[in-house]
Amino acid sequence: NVTIQFSNLNNAKLEVYDINGRVLQNQNLTSTSNTVDISRLPSGMYFFKVSSNEGSAMTKVIKN
């Protein structure tokens, strides 16, 4: 599992991309602490993009 925490974001959502840029998962982030289950994803590198009314941020996640 991956935990995403934030404060003061409106209409936040998460998109998980694979290394080829394909969207694998979409999820609305409804609280300030959100758990994302990535157990069904194979080992590899993924990009997590959090978008909201305030802007967006992307980070790399490596699953072993």
PDB file of N, CA and C in Angstrom:
ATOM      1  N   ASN A   1       0.835  -1.195   0.000  1.00  0.00           N
ATOM      2  CA  ASN A   1       0.000   0.000   0.000  1.00  0.00           C
ATOM      3  C   ASN A   1       0.873   1.250   0.000  1.00  0.00           C
ATOM      4  N   VAL A   2       0.355   2.292  -0.611  1.00  0.00           N
ATOM      5  CA  VAL A   2       0.998   3.600  -0.621  1.00  0.00           C
ATOM      6  C   VAL A   2       0.038   4.564   0.049  1.00  0.00           C
ATOM      7  N   THR A   3       0.554   5.390   0.959  1.00  0.00           N
ATOM      8  CA  THR A   3      -0.279   6.373   1.645  1.00  0.00           C
ATOM      9  C   THR A   3       0.009   7.755   1.083  1.00  0.00           C
ATOM     10  N   ILE A   4      -1.052   8.478   0.737  1.00  0.00           N
ATOM     11  CA  ILE A   4      -0.940   9.846   0.232  1.00  0.00           C
ATOM     12  C   ILE A   4      -1.607  10.757   1.240  1.00  0.00           C
ATOM     13  N   GLN A   5      -0.827  11.710   1.747  1.00  0.00           N
ATOM     14  CA  GLN A   5      -1.352  12.657   2.726  1.00  0.00           C
ATOM     15  C   GLN A   5      -1.207  14.067   2.183  1.00  0.00           C
ATOM     16  N   PHE A   6      -2.198  14.888   2.473  1.00  0.00           N
ATOM     17  CA  PHE A   6      -2.154  16.287   2.052  1.00  0.00           C
ATOM     18  C   PHE A   6      -3.104  17.087   2.920  1.00  0.00           C
ATOM     19  N   SER A   7      -3.009  18.386   2.801  1.00  0.00           N
ATOM     20  CA  SER A   7      -3.963  19.262   3.492  1.00  0.00           C
ATOM     21  C   SER A   7      -4.348  20.399   2.553  1.00  0.00           C
ATOM     22  N   ASN A   8      -5.536  20.882   2.725  1.00  0.00           N
ATOM     23  CA  ASN A   8      -6.037  22.044   1.987  1.00  0.00           C
ATOM     24  C   ASN A   8      -6.057  21.871   0.473  1.00  0.00           C
ATOM     25  N   LEU A   9      -6.473  20.699   0.004  1.00  0.00           N
ATOM     26  CA  LEU A   9      -6.674  20.496  -1.421  1.00  0.00           C
ATOM     27  C   LEU A   9      -8.150  20.266  -1.681  1.00  0.00           C
ATOM     28  N   ASN A  10      -8.648  20.877  -2.744  1.00  0.00           N
ATOM     29  CA  ASN A  10     -10.046  20.720  -3.122  1.00  0.00           C
ATOM     30  C   ASN A  10     -10.143  19.906  -4.393  1.00  0.00           C
ATOM     31  N   ASN A  11     -11.077  18.955  -4.421  1.00  0.00           N
ATOM     32  CA  ASN A  11     -11.320  18.086  -5.582  1.00  0.00           C
ATOM     33  C   ASN A  11     -10.056  17.337  -5.999  1.00  0.00           C
ATOM     34  N   ALA A  12      -9.367  16.749  -5.023  1.00  0.00           N
ATOM     35  CA  ALA A  12      -8.121  16.028  -5.303  1.00  0.00           C
ATOM     36  C   ALA A  12      -8.420  14.671  -5.911  1.00  0.00           C
ATOM     37  N   LYS A  13      -7.582  14.288  -6.875  1.00  0.00           N
ATOM     38  CA  LYS A  13      -7.692  12.964  -7.477  1.00  0.00           C
ATOM     39  C   LYS A  13      -6.301  12.431  -7.763  1.00  0.00           C
ATOM     40  N   LEU A  14      -6.206  11.111  -7.830  1.00  0.00           N
ATOM     41  CA  LEU A  14      -4.948  10.427  -8.088  1.00  0.00           C
ATOM     42  C   LEU A  14      -5.054   9.671  -9.394  1.00  0.00           C
ATOM     43  N   GLU A  15      -3.989   9.739 -10.191  1.00  0.00           N
ATOM     44  CA  GLU A  15      -3.847   8.905 -11.377  1.00  0.00           C
ATOM     45  C   GLU A  15      -2.523   8.174 -11.260  1.00  0.00           C
ATOM     46  N   VAL A  16      -2.541   6.865 -11.508  1.00  0.00           N
ATOM     47  CA  VAL A  16      -1.333   6.044 -11.473  1.00  0.00           C
ATOM     48  C   VAL A  16      -1.007   5.658 -12.912  1.00  0.00           C
ATOM     49  N   TYR A  17       0.224   5.963 -13.333  1.00  0.00           N
ATOM     50  CA  TYR A  17       0.685   5.686 -14.696  1.00  0.00           C
ATOM     51  C   TYR A  17       1.794   4.650 -14.662  1.00  0.00           C
ATOM     52  N   ASP A  18       1.870   3.832 -15.711  1.00  0.00           N
ATOM     53  CA  ASP A  18       3.011   2.939 -15.850  1.00  0.00           C
ATOM     54  C   ASP A  18       4.127   3.667 -16.586  1.00  0.00           C
ATOM     55  N   ILE A  19       5.231   2.988 -16.807  1.00  0.00           N
ATOM     56  CA  ILE A  19       6.399   3.597 -17.434  1.00  0.00           C
ATOM     57  C   ILE A  19       6.126   4.043 -18.873  1.00  0.00           C
ATOM     58  N   ASN A  20       5.091   3.460 -19.501  1.00  0.00           N
ATOM     59  CA  ASN A  20       4.738   3.821 -20.877  1.00  0.00           C
ATOM     60  C   ASN A  20       3.695   4.930 -20.946  1.00  0.00           C
ATOM     61  N   GLY A  21       3.293   5.458 -19.801  1.00  0.00           N
ATOM     62  CA  GLY A  21       2.338   6.560 -19.774  1.00  0.00           C
ATOM     63  C   GLY A  21       0.883   6.140 -19.779  1.00  0.00           C
ATOM     64  N   ARG A  22       0.610   4.846 -19.649  1.00  0.00           N
ATOM     65  CA  ARG A  22      -0.773   4.376 -19.600  1.00  0.00           C
ATOM     66  C   ARG A  22      -1.343   4.581 -18.203  1.00  0.00           C
ATOM     67  N   VAL A  23      -2.581   5.064 -18.142  1.00  0.00           N
ATOM     68  CA  VAL A  23      -3.250   5.229 -16.850  1.00  0.00           C
ATOM     69  C   VAL A  23      -3.723   3.869 -16.374  1.00  0.00           C
ATOM     70  N   LEU A  24      -3.267   3.464 -15.193  1.00  0.00           N
ATOM     71  CA  LEU A  24      -3.628   2.158 -14.641  1.00  0.00           C
ATOM     72  C   LEU A  24      -4.713   2.255 -13.589  1.00  0.00           C
ATOM     73  N   GLN A  25      -4.806   3.415 -12.951  1.00  0.00           N
ATOM     74  CA  GLN A  25      -5.737   3.552 -11.835  1.00  0.00           C
ATOM     75  C   GLN A  25      -6.115   5.012 -11.671  1.00  0.00           C
ATOM     76  N   ASN A  26      -7.387   5.257 -11.371  1.00  0.00           N
ATOM     77  CA  ASN A  26      -7.907   6.580 -11.029  1.00  0.00           C
ATOM     78  C   ASN A  26      -8.595   6.467  -9.686  1.00  0.00           C
ATOM     79  N   GLN A  27      -8.430   7.472  -8.866  1.00  0.00           N
ATOM     80  CA  GLN A  27      -9.064   7.431  -7.550  1.00  0.00           C
ATOM     81  C   GLN A  27      -9.271   8.853  -7.055  1.00  0.00           C
ATOM     82  N   ASN A  28     -10.472   9.146  -6.555  1.00  0.00           N
ATOM     83  CA  ASN A  28     -10.711  10.417  -5.887  1.00  0.00           C
ATOM     84  C   ASN A  28     -10.128  10.338  -4.491  1.00  0.00           C
ATOM     85  N   LEU A  29      -9.475  11.404  -4.075  1.00  0.00           N
ATOM     86  CA  LEU A  29      -8.879  11.467  -2.746  1.00  0.00           C
ATOM     87  C   LEU A  29      -9.810  12.299  -1.877  1.00  0.00           C
ATOM     88  N   THR A  30     -10.492  11.629  -0.966  1.00  0.00           N
ATOM     89  CA  THR A  30     -11.579  12.278  -0.237  1.00  0.00           C
ATOM     90  C   THR A  30     -11.219  12.705   1.173  1.00  0.00           C
ATOM     91  N   SER A  31     -10.053  12.285   1.674  1.00  0.00           N
ATOM     92  CA  SER A  31      -9.647  12.694   3.017  1.00  0.00           C
ATOM     93  C   SER A  31      -8.195  13.155   2.969  1.00  0.00           C
ATOM     94  N   THR A  32      -7.678  13.636   4.086  1.00  0.00           N
ATOM     95  CA  THR A  32      -6.301  14.138   4.100  1.00  0.00           C
ATOM     96  C   THR A  32      -5.268  13.014   4.144  1.00  0.00           C
ATOM     97  N   SER A  33      -5.712  11.775   4.425  1.00  0.00           N
ATOM     98  CA  SER A  33      -4.822  10.614   4.392  1.00  0.00           C
ATOM     99  C   SER A  33      -5.524   9.502   3.618  1.00  0.00           C
ATOM    100  N   ASN A  34      -4.916   9.074   2.521  1.00  0.00           N
ATOM    101  CA  ASN A  34      -5.526   8.095   1.623  1.00  0.00           C
ATOM    102  C   ASN A  34      -4.573   6.935   1.400  1.00  0.00           C
ATOM    103  N   THR A  35      -5.104   5.718   1.432  1.00  0.00           N
ATOM    104  CA  THR A  35      -4.304   4.525   1.178  1.00  0.00           C
ATOM    105  C   THR A  35      -4.639   3.994  -0.207  1.00  0.00           C
ATOM    106  N   VAL A  36      -3.600   3.740  -0.984  1.00  0.00           N
ATOM    107  CA  VAL A  36      -3.757   3.226  -2.346  1.00  0.00           C
ATOM    108  C   VAL A  36      -3.203   1.807  -2.375  1.00  0.00           C
ATOM    109  N   ASP A  37      -4.040   0.851  -2.755  1.00  0.00           N
ATOM    110  CA  ASP A  37      -3.630  -0.541  -2.836  1.00  0.00           C
ATOM    111  C   ASP A  37      -2.969  -0.795  -4.185  1.00  0.00           C
ATOM    112  N   ILE A  38      -1.682  -1.111  -4.173  1.00  0.00           N
ATOM    113  CA  ILE A  38      -0.978  -1.405  -5.423  1.00  0.00           C
ATOM    114  C   ILE A  38      -0.576  -2.874  -5.501  1.00  0.00           C
ATOM    115  N   SER A  39      -1.210  -3.721  -4.700  1.00  0.00           N
ATOM    116  CA  SER A  39      -0.846  -5.142  -4.655  1.00  0.00           C
ATOM    117  C   SER A  39      -1.093  -5.845  -5.988  1.00  0.00           C
ATOM    118  N   ARG A  40      -2.054  -5.368  -6.764  1.00  0.00           N
ATOM    119  CA  ARG A  40      -2.346  -6.030  -8.036  1.00  0.00           C
ATOM    120  C   ARG A  40      -1.377  -5.618  -9.151  1.00  0.00           C
ATOM    121  N   LEU A  41      -0.566  -4.601  -8.907  1.00  0.00           N
ATOM    122  CA  LEU A  41       0.396  -4.147  -9.910  1.00  0.00           C
ATOM    123  C   LEU A  41       1.670  -4.979  -9.824  1.00  0.00           C
ATOM    124  N   PRO A  42       2.250  -5.338 -10.970  1.00  0.00           N
ATOM    125  CA  PRO A  42       3.512  -6.076 -10.936  1.00  0.00           C
ATOM    126  C   PRO A  42       4.660  -5.170 -10.471  1.00  0.00           C
ATOM    127  N   SER A  43       5.767  -5.783 -10.099  1.00  0.00           N
ATOM    128  CA  SER A  43       6.943  -5.004  -9.710  1.00  0.00           C
ATOM    129  C   SER A  43       7.349  -4.093 -10.858  1.00  0.00           C
ATOM    130  N   GLY A  44       7.798  -2.896 -10.514  1.00  0.00           N
ATOM    131  CA  GLY A  44       8.224  -1.951 -11.534  1.00  0.00           C
ATOM    132  C   GLY A  44       8.125  -0.519 -11.040  1.00  0.00           C
ATOM    133  N   MET A  45       8.284   0.418 -11.967  1.00  0.00           N
ATOM    134  CA  MET A  45       8.238   1.833 -11.646  1.00  0.00           C
ATOM    135  C   MET A  45       6.905   2.422 -12.112  1.00  0.00           C
ATOM    136  N   TYR A  46       6.327   3.255 -11.265  1.00  0.00           N
ATOM    137  CA  TYR A  46       5.043   3.889 -11.541  1.00  0.00           C
ATOM    138  C   TYR A  46       5.128   5.370 -11.205  1.00  0.00           C
ATOM    139  N   PHE A  47       4.259   6.128 -11.823  1.00  0.00           N
ATOM    140  CA  PHE A  47       4.174   7.561 -11.554  1.00  0.00           C
ATOM    141  C   PHE A  47       2.817   7.858 -10.941  1.00  0.00           C
ATOM    142  N   PHE A  48       2.815   8.535  -9.810  1.00  0.00           N
ATOM    143  CA  PHE A  48       1.595   8.914  -9.106  1.00  0.00           C
ATOM    144  C   PHE A  48       1.402  10.409  -9.296  1.00  0.00           C
ATOM    145  N   LYS A  49       0.278  10.787  -9.901  1.00  0.00           N
ATOM    146  CA  LYS A  49      -0.028  12.202 -10.133  1.00  0.00           C
ATOM    147  C   LYS A  49      -1.241  12.585  -9.302  1.00  0.00           C
ATOM    148  N   VAL A  50      -1.065  13.559  -8.428  1.00  0.00           N
ATOM    149  CA  VAL A  50      -2.157  14.097  -7.627  1.00  0.00           C
ATOM    150  C   VAL A  50      -2.518  15.454  -8.217  1.00  0.00           C
ATOM    151  N   SER A  51      -3.786  15.609  -8.595  1.00  0.00           N
ATOM    152  CA  SER A  51      -4.283  16.860  -9.168  1.00  0.00           C
ATOM    153  C   SER A  51      -5.404  17.390  -8.293  1.00  0.00           C
ATOM    154  N   SER A  52      -5.493  18.710  -8.220  1.00  0.00           N
ATOM    155  CA  SER A  52      -6.573  19.353  -7.468  1.00  0.00           C
ATOM    156  C   SER A  52      -6.812  20.725  -8.062  1.00  0.00           C
ATOM    157  N   ASN A  53      -7.759  21.442  -7.494  1.00  0.00           N
ATOM    158  CA  ASN A  53      -8.011  22.817  -7.935  1.00  0.00           C
ATOM    159  C   ASN A  53      -6.783  23.698  -7.735  1.00  0.00           C
ATOM    160  N   GLU A  54      -5.923  23.321  -6.783  1.00  0.00           N
ATOM    161  CA  GLU A  54      -4.757  24.122  -6.448  1.00  0.00           C
ATOM    162  C   GLU A  54      -3.542  23.837  -7.334  1.00  0.00           C
ATOM    163  N   GLY A  55      -3.571  22.754  -8.110  1.00  0.00           N
ATOM    164  CA  GLY A  55      -2.449  22.401  -8.972  1.00  0.00           C
ATOM    165  C   GLY A  55      -2.248  20.900  -9.009  1.00  0.00           C
ATOM    166  N   SER A  56      -1.067  20.481  -9.449  1.00  0.00           N
ATOM    167  CA  SER A  56      -0.785  19.051  -9.525  1.00  0.00           C
ATOM    168  C   SER A  56       0.678  18.787  -9.168  1.00  0.00           C
ATOM    169  N   ALA A  57       0.930  17.535  -8.792  1.00  0.00           N
ATOM    170  CA  ALA A  57       2.286  17.090  -8.477  1.00  0.00           C
ATOM    171  C   ALA A  57       2.403  15.632  -8.887  1.00  0.00           C
ATOM    172  N   MET A  58       3.608  15.247  -9.315  1.00  0.00           N
ATOM    173  CA  MET A  58       3.837  13.869  -9.726  1.00  0.00           C
ATOM    174  C   MET A  58       5.067  13.350  -9.005  1.00  0.00           C
ATOM    175  N   THR A  59       5.014  12.088  -8.604  1.00  0.00           N
ATOM    176  CA  THR A  59       6.156  11.444  -7.969  1.00  0.00           C
ATOM    177  C   THR A  59       6.312  10.027  -8.498  1.00  0.00           C
ATOM    178  N   LYS A  60       7.512   9.523  -8.399  1.00  0.00           N
ATOM    179  CA  LYS A  60       7.828   8.174  -8.877  1.00  0.00           C
ATOM    180  C   LYS A  60       7.735   7.210  -7.698  1.00  0.00           C
ATOM    181  N   VAL A  61       7.138   6.045  -7.923  1.00  0.00           N
ATOM    182  CA  VAL A  61       7.031   4.990  -6.920  1.00  0.00           C
ATOM    183  C   VAL A  61       7.591   3.720  -7.541  1.00  0.00           C
ATOM    184  N   ILE A  62       8.515   3.069  -6.814  1.00  0.00           N
ATOM    185  CA  ILE A  62       9.092   1.814  -7.294  1.00  0.00           C
ATOM    186  C   ILE A  62       8.578   0.684  -6.403  1.00  0.00           C
ATOM    187  N   LYS A  63       7.952  -0.300  -7.042  1.00  0.00           N
ATOM    188  CA  LYS A  63       7.455  -1.466  -6.326  1.00  0.00           C
ATOM    189  C   LYS A  63       8.388  -2.628  -6.570  1.00  0.00           C
ATOM    190  N   ASN A  64       8.877  -3.209  -5.489  1.00  0.00           N
ATOM    191  CA  ASN A  64       9.790  -4.359  -5.593  1.00  0.00           C
ATOM    192  C   ASN A  64       9.017  -5.648  -5.604  1.00  0.00           C
TER     193      ASN A  64
END
